[in-house]
PDB file of N, CA and C in Angstrom:
ATOM      1  N   MET A   1     127.323 132.654  45.663  1.00  0.00           N
ATOM      2  CA  MET A   1     128.035 132.062  44.525  1.00  0.00           C
ATOM      3  C   MET A   1     127.547 132.638  43.289  1.00  0.00           C
ATOM      4  N   GLU A   2     128.583 133.069  42.474  1.00  0.00           N
ATOM      5  CA  GLU A   2     128.194 133.626  41.106  1.00  0.00           C
ATOM      6  C   GLU A   2     127.737 132.674  40.129  1.00  0.00           C
ATOM      7  N   LYS A   3     126.650 132.988  39.431  1.00  0.00           N
ATOM      8  CA  LYS A   3     126.125 131.995  38.495  1.00  0.00           C
ATOM      9  C   LYS A   3     127.053 132.028  37.201  1.00  0.00           C
ATOM     10  N   LYS A   4     127.266 130.965  36.585  1.00  0.00           N
ATOM     11  CA  LYS A   4     127.933 130.855  35.280  1.00  0.00           C
ATOM     12  C   LYS A   4     127.078 130.412  34.307  1.00  0.00           C
ATOM     13  N   TYR A   5     127.182 130.879  33.085  1.00  0.00           N
ATOM     14  CA  TYR A   5     126.318 130.517  32.027  1.00  0.00           C
ATOM     15  C   TYR A   5     127.082 130.028  30.750  1.00  0.00           C
ATOM     16  N   THR A   6     126.328 129.147  30.046  1.00  0.00           N
ATOM     17  CA  THR A   6     126.728 128.877  28.695  1.00  0.00           C
ATOM     18  C   THR A   6     125.936 129.651  27.739  1.00  0.00           C
ATOM     19  N   TRP A   7     126.583 130.592  26.937  1.00  0.00           N
ATOM     20  CA  TRP A   7     125.812 131.356  26.151  1.00  0.00           C
ATOM     21  C   TRP A   7     125.538 130.749  24.720  1.00  0.00           C
ATOM     22  N   HIS A   8     124.318 130.932  24.191  1.00  0.00           N
ATOM     23  CA  HIS A   8     123.905 130.396  22.803  1.00  0.00           C
ATOM     24  C   HIS A   8     123.349 131.633  22.048  1.00  0.00           C
ATOM     25  N   LYS A   9     124.003 131.573  20.818  1.00  0.00           N
ATOM     26  CA  LYS A   9     123.541 132.708  19.922  1.00  0.00           C
ATOM     27  C   LYS A   9     122.171 132.273  19.282  1.00  0.00           C
ATOM     28  N   ILE A  10     121.192 133.180  19.367  1.00  0.00           N
ATOM     29  CA  ILE A  10     119.827 132.923  18.696  1.00  0.00           C
ATOM     30  C   ILE A  10     119.517 133.750  17.432  1.00  0.00           C
ATOM     31  N   ALA A  11     120.324 134.835  17.269  1.00  0.00           N
ATOM     32  CA  ALA A  11     120.032 135.595  16.097  1.00  0.00           C
ATOM     33  C   ALA A  11     121.194 136.579  15.918  1.00  0.00           C
ATOM     34  N   GLU A  12     121.302 137.156  14.725  1.00  0.00           N
ATOM     35  CA  GLU A  12     122.332 138.023  14.207  1.00  0.00           C
ATOM     36  C   GLU A  12     122.024 139.459  14.913  1.00  0.00           C
ATOM     37  N   SER A  13     120.874 139.686  15.076  1.00  0.00           N
ATOM     38  CA  SER A  13     120.399 141.017  15.633  1.00  0.00           C
ATOM     39  C   SER A  13     118.922 140.977  16.192  1.00  0.00           C
ATOM     40  N   LEU A  14     118.616 141.858  17.033  1.00  0.00           N
ATOM     41  CA  LEU A  14     117.262 141.873  17.509  1.00  0.00           C
ATOM     42  C   LEU A  14     116.269 142.043  16.274  1.00  0.00           C
ATOM     43  N   GLU A  15     116.605 142.820  15.286  1.00  0.00           N
ATOM     44  CA  GLU A  15     115.884 143.209  14.069  1.00  0.00           C
ATOM     45  C   GLU A  15     115.621 141.775  13.289  1.00  0.00           C
ATOM     46  N   ALA A  16     116.441 140.913  13.347  1.00  0.00           N
ATOM     47  CA  ALA A  16     116.612 139.677  12.503  1.00  0.00           C
ATOM     48  C   ALA A  16     115.617 138.699  13.109  1.00  0.00           C
ATOM     49  N   MET A  17     115.072 138.845  14.373  1.00  0.00           N
ATOM     50  CA  MET A  17     114.246 137.860  14.989  1.00  0.00           C
ATOM     51  C   MET A  17     112.824 137.899  14.461  1.00  0.00           C
ATOM     52  N   PRO A  18     112.183 136.833  14.135  1.00  0.00           N
ATOM     53  CA  PRO A  18     110.828 136.839  13.522  1.00  0.00           C
ATOM     54  C   PRO A  18     109.725 136.946  14.536  1.00  0.00           C
ATOM     55  N   PHE A  19     109.611 138.129  15.165  1.00  0.00           N
ATOM     56  CA  PHE A  19     108.446 138.369  16.116  1.00  0.00           C
ATOM     57  C   PHE A  19     107.286 138.492  15.335  1.00  0.00           C
ATOM     58  N   ALA A  20     106.197 137.905  15.825  1.00  0.00           N
ATOM     59  CA  ALA A  20     104.967 138.055  15.155  1.00  0.00           C
ATOM     60  C   ALA A  20     104.001 138.992  16.099  1.00  0.00           C
ATOM     61  N   GLU A  21     102.791 139.100  15.841  1.00  0.00           N
ATOM     62  CA  GLU A  21     101.871 140.013  16.599  1.00  0.00           C
ATOM     63  C   GLU A  21     101.989 139.731  18.131  1.00  0.00           C
ATOM     64  N   SER A  22     102.089 138.498  18.464  1.00  0.00           N
ATOM     65  CA  SER A  22     102.108 138.224  19.950  1.00  0.00           C
ATOM     66  C   SER A  22     103.396 138.577  20.616  1.00  0.00           C
ATOM     67  N   ASN A  23     104.469 138.899  19.718  1.00  0.00           N
ATOM     68  CA  ASN A  23     105.737 139.159  20.365  1.00  0.00           C
ATOM     69  C   ASN A  23     106.506 138.088  21.142  1.00  0.00           C
ATOM     70  N   ILE A  24     106.034 136.786  20.832  1.00  0.00           N
ATOM     71  CA  ILE A  24     106.615 135.543  21.424  1.00  0.00           C
ATOM     72  C   ILE A  24     107.050 134.612  20.299  1.00  0.00           C
ATOM     73  N   ILE A  25     108.203 134.283  20.380  1.00  0.00           N
ATOM     74  CA  ILE A  25     108.696 133.206  19.343  1.00  0.00           C
ATOM     75  C   ILE A  25     109.231 131.951  20.141  1.00  0.00           C
ATOM     76  N   GLU A  26     109.141 130.806  19.571  1.00  0.00           N
ATOM     77  CA  GLU A  26     109.605 129.574  20.153  1.00  0.00           C
ATOM     78  C   GLU A  26     110.949 129.315  19.496  1.00  0.00           C
ATOM     79  N   GLU A  27     111.955 128.959  20.310  1.00  0.00           N
ATOM     80  CA  GLU A  27     113.297 128.623  19.798  1.00  0.00           C
ATOM     81  C   GLU A  27     113.666 127.232  20.583  1.00  0.00           C
ATOM     82  N   THR A  28     114.403 126.353  19.800  1.00  0.00           N
ATOM     83  CA  THR A  28     115.071 125.231  20.372  1.00  0.00           C
ATOM     84  C   THR A  28     116.502 125.398  20.360  1.00  0.00           C
ATOM     85  N   ILE A  29     117.151 125.484  21.565  1.00  0.00           N
ATOM     86  CA  ILE A  29     118.474 125.668  21.812  1.00  0.00           C
ATOM     87  C   ILE A  29     119.098 124.682  22.687  1.00  0.00           C
ATOM     88  N   ALA A  30     120.025 123.991  22.148  1.00  0.00           N
ATOM     89  CA  ALA A  30     120.701 122.884  22.924  1.00  0.00           C
ATOM     90  C   ALA A  30     119.719 121.880  23.407  1.00  0.00           C
ATOM     91  N   GLY A  31     118.724 121.532  22.678  1.00  0.00           N
ATOM     92  CA  GLY A  31     117.744 120.528  22.940  1.00  0.00           C
ATOM     93  C   GLY A  31     116.710 121.096  23.866  1.00  0.00           C
ATOM     94  N   ARG A  32     116.696 122.403  24.248  1.00  0.00           N
ATOM     95  CA  ARG A  32     115.618 122.844  25.139  1.00  0.00           C
ATOM     96  C   ARG A  32     114.675 123.765  24.307  1.00  0.00           C
ATOM     97  N   LYS A  33     113.372 123.689  24.451  1.00  0.00           N
ATOM     98  CA  LYS A  33     112.418 124.656  23.855  1.00  0.00           C
ATOM     99  C   LYS A  33     112.117 125.756  24.778  1.00  0.00           C
ATOM    100  N   ILE A  34     112.444 126.931  24.362  1.00  0.00           N
ATOM    101  CA  ILE A  34     112.184 128.243  25.223  1.00  0.00           C
ATOM    102  C   ILE A  34     111.305 129.145  24.355  1.00  0.00           C
ATOM    103  N   CYS A  35     110.879 130.202  25.147  1.00  0.00           N
ATOM    104  CA  CYS A  35     110.153 131.317  24.496  1.00  0.00           C
ATOM    105  C   CYS A  35     111.071 132.486  24.564  1.00  0.00           C
ATOM    106  N   VAL A  36     111.126 133.218  23.500  1.00  0.00           N
ATOM    107  CA  VAL A  36     111.901 134.493  23.688  1.00  0.00           C
ATOM    108  C   VAL A  36     110.826 135.650  23.307  1.00  0.00           C
ATOM    109  N   VAL A  37     110.695 136.603  24.230  1.00  0.00           N
ATOM    110  CA  VAL A  37     109.683 137.518  24.240  1.00  0.00           C
ATOM    111  C   VAL A  37     110.259 138.990  23.999  1.00  0.00           C
ATOM    112  N   LEU A  38     109.587 139.802  23.132  1.00  0.00           N
ATOM    113  CA  LEU A  38     109.883 141.164  23.057  1.00  0.00           C
ATOM    114  C   LEU A  38     108.780 142.049  23.475  1.00  0.00           C
ATOM    115  N   HIS A  39     109.000 142.710  24.583  1.00  0.00           N
ATOM    116  CA  HIS A  39     107.939 143.738  25.123  1.00  0.00           C
ATOM    117  C   HIS A  39     108.574 145.140  25.482  1.00  0.00           C
ATOM    118  N   ASN A  40     107.915 146.120  24.862  1.00  0.00           N
ATOM    119  CA  ASN A  40     108.412 147.509  25.133  1.00  0.00           C
ATOM    120  C   ASN A  40     110.012 147.525  24.790  1.00  0.00           C
ATOM    121  N   ASP A  41     110.521 147.062  23.663  1.00  0.00           N
ATOM    122  CA  ASP A  41     111.758 146.952  23.217  1.00  0.00           C
ATOM    123  C   ASP A  41     112.794 146.266  24.162  1.00  0.00           C
ATOM    124  N   GLU A  42     112.242 145.510  25.088  1.00  0.00           N
ATOM    125  CA  GLU A  42     113.040 144.647  25.994  1.00  0.00           C
ATOM    126  C   GLU A  42     112.907 143.254  25.579  1.00  0.00           C
ATOM    127  N   ILE A  43     113.914 142.421  25.586  1.00  0.00           N
ATOM    128  CA  ILE A  43     113.977 140.991  25.205  1.00  0.00           C
ATOM    129  C   ILE A  43     114.217 140.082  26.415  1.00  0.00           C
ATOM    130  N   THR A  44     113.409 139.134  26.599  1.00  0.00           N
ATOM    131  CA  THR A  44     113.541 138.253  27.669  1.00  0.00           C
ATOM    132  C   THR A  44     113.294 136.704  27.133  1.00  0.00           C
ATOM    133  N   ALA A  45     113.644 135.793  27.909  1.00  0.00           N
ATOM    134  CA  ALA A  45     113.444 134.400  27.729  1.00  0.00           C
ATOM    135  C   ALA A  45     113.085 133.582  28.791  1.00  0.00           C
ATOM    136  N   CYS A  46     112.231 132.468  28.442  1.00  0.00           N
ATOM    137  CA  CYS A  46     111.661 131.654  29.543  1.00  0.00           C
ATOM    138  C   CYS A  46     111.488 130.339  28.992  1.00  0.00           C
ATOM    139  N   SER A  47     111.075 129.360  29.942  1.00  0.00           N
ATOM    140  CA  SER A  47     110.782 127.985  29.457  1.00  0.00           C
ATOM    141  C   SER A  47     109.549 128.068  28.505  1.00  0.00           C
ATOM    142  N   GLN A  48     109.453 127.114  27.734  1.00  0.00           N
ATOM    143  CA  GLN A  48     108.302 127.008  26.794  1.00  0.00           C
ATOM    144  C   GLN A  48     107.089 126.480  27.414  1.00  0.00           C
ATOM    145  N   THR A  49     107.158 125.814  28.466  1.00  0.00           N
ATOM    146  CA  THR A  49     106.059 125.004  29.037  1.00  0.00           C
ATOM    147  C   THR A  49     105.588 125.751  30.289  1.00  0.00           C
ATOM    148  N   CYS A  50     104.333 125.995  30.559  1.00  0.00           N
ATOM    149  CA  CYS A  50     103.785 126.562  31.767  1.00  0.00           C
ATOM    150  C   CYS A  50     103.992 125.426  32.844  1.00  0.00           C
ATOM    151  N   PRO A  51     104.479 125.914  34.071  1.00  0.00           N
ATOM    152  CA  PRO A  51     104.597 124.933  35.048  1.00  0.00           C
ATOM    153  C   PRO A  51     103.271 124.450  35.768  1.00  0.00           C
ATOM    154  N   HIS A  52     102.214 125.094  35.468  1.00  0.00           N
ATOM    155  CA  HIS A  52     100.946 124.712  36.003  1.00  0.00           C
ATOM    156  C   HIS A  52     100.330 123.383  35.259  1.00  0.00           C
ATOM    157  N   ALA A  53     100.088 123.497  34.090  1.00  0.00           N
ATOM    158  CA  ALA A  53      99.436 122.393  33.309  1.00  0.00           C
ATOM    159  C   ALA A  53     100.119 122.023  31.977  1.00  0.00           C
ATOM    160  N   GLY A  54     101.265 122.619  31.753  1.00  0.00           N
ATOM    161  CA  GLY A  54     102.012 122.206  30.543  1.00  0.00           C
ATOM    162  C   GLY A  54     101.579 122.965  29.283  1.00  0.00           C
ATOM    163  N   GLY A  55     100.946 124.073  29.463  1.00  0.00           N
ATOM    164  CA  GLY A  55     100.536 124.844  28.332  1.00  0.00           C
ATOM    165  C   GLY A  55     101.722 125.424  27.496  1.00  0.00           C
ATOM    166  N   LYS A  56     101.550 125.565  26.243  1.00  0.00           N
ATOM    167  CA  LYS A  56     102.587 126.050  25.308  1.00  0.00           C
ATOM    168  C   LYS A  56     102.554 127.546  25.393  1.00  0.00           C
ATOM    169  N   LEU A  57     103.489 128.200  26.104  1.00  0.00           N
ATOM    170  CA  LEU A  57     103.505 129.594  26.327  1.00  0.00           C
ATOM    171  C   LEU A  57     103.725 130.400  25.100  1.00  0.00           C
ATOM    172  N   SER A  58     104.335 129.779  23.972  1.00  0.00           N
ATOM    173  CA  SER A  58     104.480 130.670  22.757  1.00  0.00           C
ATOM    174  C   SER A  58     103.047 130.804  22.067  1.00  0.00           C
ATOM    175  N   ALA A  59     102.029 130.009  22.560  1.00  0.00           N
ATOM    176  CA  ALA A  59     100.713 130.251  21.920  1.00  0.00           C
ATOM    177  C   ALA A  59     100.013 131.163  22.883  1.00  0.00           C
ATOM    178  N   GLY A  60     100.441 131.625  23.986  1.00  0.00           N
ATOM    179  CA  GLY A  60      99.951 132.699  24.847  1.00  0.00           C
ATOM    180  C   GLY A  60     100.145 133.965  24.301  1.00  0.00           C
ATOM    181  N   ASN A  61     100.201 135.010  25.236  1.00  0.00           N
ATOM    182  CA  ASN A  61     100.316 136.390  24.894  1.00  0.00           C
ATOM    183  C   ASN A  61     101.115 137.072  25.948  1.00  0.00           C
ATOM    184  N   VAL A  62     101.509 138.356  25.800  1.00  0.00           N
ATOM    185  CA  VAL A  62     102.044 139.197  26.850  1.00  0.00           C
ATOM    186  C   VAL A  62     101.140 140.364  27.084  1.00  0.00           C
ATOM    187  N   ASP A  63     100.804 140.413  28.473  1.00  0.00           N
ATOM    188  CA  ASP A  63      99.899 141.475  28.854  1.00  0.00           C
ATOM    189  C   ASP A  63     100.609 142.866  28.960  1.00  0.00           C
ATOM    190  N   ALA A  64      99.818 143.878  29.281  1.00  0.00           N
ATOM    191  CA  ALA A  64     100.273 145.255  29.222  1.00  0.00           C
ATOM    192  C   ALA A  64     101.328 145.485  30.248  1.00  0.00           C
ATOM    193  N   ALA A  65     101.410 144.738  31.326  1.00  0.00           N
ATOM    194  CA  ALA A  65     102.423 144.791  32.237  1.00  0.00           C
ATOM    195  C   ALA A  65     103.663 144.082  31.961  1.00  0.00           C
ATOM    196  N   GLY A  66     103.650 143.403  30.784  1.00  0.00           N
ATOM    197  CA  GLY A  66     104.874 142.510  30.436  1.00  0.00           C
ATOM    198  C   GLY A  66     104.903 141.052  30.963  1.00  0.00           C
ATOM    199  N   ASN A  67     103.761 140.709  31.487  1.00  0.00           N
ATOM    200  CA  ASN A  67     103.833 139.251  31.923  1.00  0.00           C
ATOM    201  C   ASN A  67     103.408 138.363  30.760  1.00  0.00           C
ATOM    202  N   ILE A  68     104.056 137.141  30.814  1.00  0.00           N
ATOM    203  CA  ILE A  68     103.594 136.153  29.746  1.00  0.00           C
ATOM    204  C   ILE A  68     102.381 135.405  30.424  1.00  0.00           C
ATOM    205  N   VAL A  69     101.328 135.208  29.498  1.00  0.00           N
ATOM    206  CA  VAL A  69     100.061 134.634  29.889  1.00  0.00           C
ATOM    207  C   VAL A  69      99.938 133.275  29.243  1.00  0.00           C
ATOM    208  N   CYS A  70      99.618 132.316  30.113  1.00  0.00           N
ATOM    209  CA  CYS A  70      99.342 130.934  29.500  1.00  0.00           C
ATOM    210  C   CYS A  70      98.040 130.888  28.769  1.00  0.00           C
ATOM    211  N   PRO A  71      98.089 130.268  27.672  1.00  0.00           N
ATOM    212  CA  PRO A  71      96.655 130.072  26.899  1.00  0.00           C
ATOM    213  C   PRO A  71      95.792 129.130  27.442  1.00  0.00           C
ATOM    214  N   LEU A  72      96.208 128.342  28.374  1.00  0.00           N
ATOM    215  CA  LEU A  72      95.235 127.271  28.851  1.00  0.00           C
ATOM    216  C   LEU A  72      94.348 127.870  29.942  1.00  0.00           C
ATOM    217  N   HIS A  73      95.035 128.345  31.030  1.00  0.00           N
ATOM    218  CA  HIS A  73      94.238 128.813  32.270  1.00  0.00           C
ATOM    219  C   HIS A  73      94.446 130.260  32.620  1.00  0.00           C
ATOM    220  N   ARG A  74      95.194 130.897  31.706  1.00  0.00           N
ATOM    221  CA  ARG A  74      95.479 132.479  31.933  1.00  0.00           C
ATOM    222  C   ARG A  74      96.464 132.681  33.015  1.00  0.00           C
ATOM    223  N   TYR A  75      97.197 131.776  33.600  1.00  0.00           N
ATOM    224  CA  TYR A  75      98.227 132.095  34.612  1.00  0.00           C
ATOM    225  C   TYR A  75      99.206 133.082  34.027  1.00  0.00           C
ATOM    226  N   LYS A  76      99.628 134.051  34.835  1.00  0.00           N
ATOM    227  CA  LYS A  76     100.492 135.094  34.386  1.00  0.00           C
ATOM    228  C   LYS A  76     101.895 134.894  35.097  1.00  0.00           C
ATOM    229  N   PHE A  77     102.969 135.144  34.375  1.00  0.00           N
ATOM    230  CA  PHE A  77     104.408 135.065  34.889  1.00  0.00           C
ATOM    231  C   PHE A  77     105.083 136.288  34.616  1.00  0.00           C
ATOM    232  N   ASN A  78     105.877 136.772  35.615  1.00  0.00           N
ATOM    233  CA  ASN A  78     106.810 137.895  35.390  1.00  0.00           C
ATOM    234  C   ASN A  78     107.958 137.308  34.680  1.00  0.00           C
ATOM    235  N   LEU A  79     108.261 138.103  33.488  1.00  0.00           N
ATOM    236  CA  LEU A  79     109.369 137.571  32.726  1.00  0.00           C
ATOM    237  C   LEU A  79     110.757 137.836  33.213  1.00  0.00           C
ATOM    238  N   LYS A  80     110.928 138.759  34.166  1.00  0.00           N
ATOM    239  CA  LYS A  80     112.170 139.070  34.841  1.00  0.00           C
ATOM    240  C   LYS A  80     112.560 138.062  35.813  1.00  0.00           C
ATOM    241  N   ASN A  81     111.551 137.564  36.640  1.00  0.00           N
ATOM    242  CA  ASN A  81     112.074 136.740  37.689  1.00  0.00           C
ATOM    243  C   ASN A  81     111.310 135.327  37.784  1.00  0.00           C
ATOM    244  N   GLY A  82     110.360 135.167  36.801  1.00  0.00           N
ATOM    245  CA  GLY A  82     109.610 133.916  36.654  1.00  0.00           C
ATOM    246  C   GLY A  82     108.505 133.708  37.669  1.00  0.00           C
ATOM    247  N   ARG A  83     108.227 134.673  38.596  1.00  0.00           N
ATOM    248  CA  ARG A  83     107.263 134.472  39.525  1.00  0.00           C
ATOM    249  C   ARG A  83     105.808 134.608  38.963  1.00  0.00           C
ATOM    250  N   ASN A  84     104.978 133.589  39.359  1.00  0.00           N
ATOM    251  CA  ASN A  84     103.544 133.743  39.096  1.00  0.00           C
ATOM    252  C   ASN A  84     102.866 134.862  39.747  1.00  0.00           C
ATOM    253  N   VAL A  85     102.353 135.873  38.881  1.00  0.00           N
ATOM    254  CA  VAL A  85     101.739 137.199  39.379  1.00  0.00           C
ATOM    255  C   VAL A  85     100.269 137.070  39.678  1.00  0.00           C
ATOM    256  N   SER A  86      99.597 135.878  39.253  1.00  0.00           N
ATOM    257  CA  SER A  86      98.153 135.796  39.368  1.00  0.00           C
ATOM    258  C   SER A  86      97.878 134.965  40.654  1.00  0.00           C
ATOM    259  N   GLY A  87      98.907 134.734  41.581  1.00  0.00           N
ATOM    260  CA  GLY A  87      98.510 134.220  42.905  1.00  0.00           C
ATOM    261  C   GLY A  87      98.660 132.750  43.051  1.00  0.00           C
ATOM    262  N   GLU A  88      98.878 131.904  42.118  1.00  0.00           N
ATOM    263  CA  GLU A  88      98.844 130.452  42.337  1.00  0.00           C
ATOM    264  C   GLU A  88     100.131 129.906  42.909  1.00  0.00           C
ATOM    265  N   GLY A  89     101.233 130.593  42.975  1.00  0.00           N
ATOM    266  CA  GLY A  89     102.452 130.183  43.526  1.00  0.00           C
ATOM    267  C   GLY A  89     103.383 129.262  42.572  1.00  0.00           C
ATOM    268  N   TYR A  90     103.179 129.399  41.326  1.00  0.00           N
ATOM    269  CA  TYR A  90     104.075 128.603  40.515  1.00  0.00           C
ATOM    270  C   TYR A  90     105.261 129.537  40.020  1.00  0.00           C
ATOM    271  N   TYR A  91     106.278 128.886  39.487  1.00  0.00           N
ATOM    272  CA  TYR A  91     107.518 129.559  39.180  1.00  0.00           C
ATOM    273  C   TYR A  91     107.981 129.101  37.641  1.00  0.00           C
ATOM    274  N   LEU A  92     108.159 130.108  36.786  1.00  0.00           N
ATOM    275  CA  LEU A  92     108.562 129.738  35.497  1.00  0.00           C
ATOM    276  C   LEU A  92     109.987 129.989  35.352  1.00  0.00           C
ATOM    277  N   LYS A  93     110.839 129.140  34.771  1.00  0.00           N
ATOM    278  CA  LYS A  93     112.160 129.230  34.520  1.00  0.00           C
ATOM    279  C   LYS A  93     112.469 130.317  33.525  1.00  0.00           C
ATOM    280  N   THR A  94     113.317 131.290  33.936  1.00  0.00           N
ATOM    281  CA  THR A  94     113.721 132.319  33.042  1.00  0.00           C
ATOM    282  C   THR A  94     115.292 132.297  32.671  1.00  0.00           C
ATOM    283  N   PHE A  95     115.518 132.838  31.598  1.00  0.00           N
ATOM    284  CA  PHE A  95     117.041 132.843  31.087  1.00  0.00           C
ATOM    285  C   PHE A  95     117.517 134.293  30.760  1.00  0.00           C
ATOM    286  N   PRO A  96     118.767 134.568  31.090  1.00  0.00           N
ATOM    287  CA  PRO A  96     119.315 135.811  30.817  1.00  0.00           C
ATOM    288  C   PRO A  96     119.463 135.902  29.297  1.00  0.00           C
ATOM    289  N   VAL A  97     119.263 137.162  28.767  1.00  0.00           N
ATOM    290  CA  VAL A  97     119.482 137.438  27.344  1.00  0.00           C
ATOM    291  C   VAL A  97     120.387 138.707  27.207  1.00  0.00           C
ATOM    292  N   GLU A  98     121.366 138.549  26.253  1.00  0.00           N
ATOM    293  CA  GLU A  98     122.269 139.744  26.015  1.00  0.00           C
ATOM    294  C   GLU A  98     122.210 140.044  24.592  1.00  0.00           C
ATOM    295  N   ILE A  99     122.208 141.326  24.334  1.00  0.00           N
ATOM    296  CA  ILE A  99     122.414 141.737  22.892  1.00  0.00           C
ATOM    297  C   ILE A  99     123.798 142.183  22.840  1.00  0.00           C
ATOM    298  N   ARG A 100     124.670 141.576  22.124  1.00  0.00           N
ATOM    299  CA  ARG A 100     126.072 141.925  21.869  1.00  0.00           C
ATOM    300  C   ARG A 100     126.274 142.282  20.372  1.00  0.00           C
ATOM    301  N   PRO A 101     127.384 142.979  20.172  1.00  0.00           N
ATOM    302  CA  PRO A 101     127.754 143.190  18.793  1.00  0.00           C
ATOM    303  C   PRO A 101     127.735 141.988  17.906  1.00  0.00           C
ATOM    304  N   ALA A 102     127.996 140.771  18.320  1.00  0.00           N
ATOM    305  CA  ALA A 102     127.914 139.565  17.599  1.00  0.00           C
ATOM    306  C   ALA A 102     126.625 138.910  17.381  1.00  0.00           C
ATOM    307  N   GLY A 103     125.623 139.618  18.094  1.00  0.00           N
ATOM    308  CA  GLY A 103     124.202 138.944  17.958  1.00  0.00           C
ATOM    309  C   GLY A 103     123.480 138.917  19.259  1.00  0.00           C
ATOM    310  N   VAL A 104     122.376 138.208  19.283  1.00  0.00           N
ATOM    311  CA  VAL A 104     121.553 138.054  20.394  1.00  0.00           C
ATOM    312  C   VAL A 104     121.823 136.618  21.099  1.00  0.00           C
ATOM    313  N   PHE A 105     122.068 136.620  22.376  1.00  0.00           N
ATOM    314  CA  PHE A 105     122.491 135.408  23.014  1.00  0.00           C
ATOM    315  C   PHE A 105     121.574 135.100  24.322  1.00  0.00           C
ATOM    316  N   VAL A 106     121.301 133.869  24.494  1.00  0.00           N
ATOM    317  CA  VAL A 106     120.576 133.383  25.788  1.00  0.00           C
ATOM    318  C   VAL A 106     121.583 132.524  26.608  1.00  0.00           C
ATOM    319  N   GLY A 107     121.501 132.688  27.805  1.00  0.00           N
ATOM    320  CA  GLY A 107     122.365 131.969  28.721  1.00  0.00           C
ATOM    321  C   GLY A 107     121.642 130.804  29.486  1.00  0.00           C
ATOM    322  N   PHE A 108     122.275 129.593  29.577  1.00  0.00           N
ATOM    323  CA  PHE A 108     121.821 128.562  30.290  1.00  0.00           C
ATOM    324  C   PHE A 108     122.805 128.450  31.414  1.00  0.00           C
ATOM    325  N   GLU A 109     122.239 128.228  32.697  1.00  0.00           N
ATOM    326  CA  GLU A 109     123.159 128.131  33.848  1.00  0.00           C
ATOM    327  C   GLU A 109     123.872 126.814  33.805  1.00  0.00           C
ATOM    328  N   GLU A 110     125.258 126.965  34.104  1.00  0.00           N
ATOM    329  CA  GLU A 110     126.081 125.779  34.252  1.00  0.00           C
ATOM    330  C   GLU A 110     126.000 125.175  35.609  1.00  0.00           C
ATOM    331  N   ASN A 111     126.267 123.958  35.707  1.00  0.00           N
ATOM    332  CA  ASN A 111     126.379 123.229  37.052  1.00  0.00           C
ATOM    333  C   ASN A 111     125.139 123.468  37.959  1.00  0.00           C
ATOM    334  N   ASN A 112     124.126 123.406  37.255  1.00  0.00           N
ATOM    335  CA  ASN A 112     122.920 123.611  38.033  1.00  0.00           C
ATOM    336  C   ASN A 112     122.327 122.220  38.242  1.00  0.00           C
ATOM    337  N   PHE A 113     121.812 122.009  39.397  1.00  0.00           N
ATOM    338  CA  PHE A 113     121.167 120.696  39.798  1.00  0.00           C
ATOM    339  C   PHE A 113     120.258 120.212  38.878  1.00  0.00           C
ATOM    340  N   PHE A 114     119.404 121.064  38.242  1.00  0.00           N
ATOM    341  CA  PHE A 114     118.325 120.698  37.233  1.00  0.00           C
ATOM    342  C   PHE A 114     118.832 120.477  35.784  1.00  0.00           C
ATOM    343  N   ASN A 115     120.189 120.771  35.526  1.00  0.00           N
ATOM    344  CA  ASN A 115     120.586 120.466  34.157  1.00  0.00           C
ATOM    345  C   ASN A 115     120.330 119.113  33.707  1.00  0.00           C
ATOM    346  N   TRP A 116     120.360 118.100  34.513  1.00  0.00           N
ATOM    347  CA  TRP A 116     120.174 116.712  33.975  1.00  0.00           C
ATOM    348  C   TRP A 116     118.760 116.411  33.562  1.00  0.00           C
ATOM    349  N   LEU A 117     117.848 117.385  33.936  1.00  0.00           N
ATOM    350  CA  LEU A 117     116.430 117.189  33.462  1.00  0.00           C
ATOM    351  C   LEU A 117     116.259 117.390  32.004  1.00  0.00           C
ATOM    352  N   LYS A 118     117.019 118.287  31.398  1.00  0.00           N
ATOM    353  CA  LYS A 118     116.855 118.613  29.989  1.00  0.00           C
ATOM    354  C   LYS A 118     115.704 117.895  29.383  1.00  0.00           C
TER     355      LYS A 118
END
């Protein structure tokens, strides 16, 4: 089954996004807090909260391999598939990002069983 997304504009352009030294920014979109990450000129998005102990991922960092690292216990997550790469077995929700002529957009999956959790 093909996934369908509701797309939300988060910026006019990649250059307009306020990335700091950590290359992670926190955004609230449709009532959800997410992290938007810039690493090696590639933009990705994920849940704001670490699935292990609730750490605020925007306070973490991105390692050399492009994984987001939780500031609490240093758990690492692949930003492309959400898998925990440090071996603990957790999964981080990731979101597709598209750069279009009209701006930068993040997609939230439609008709997903977990949508009611918001």
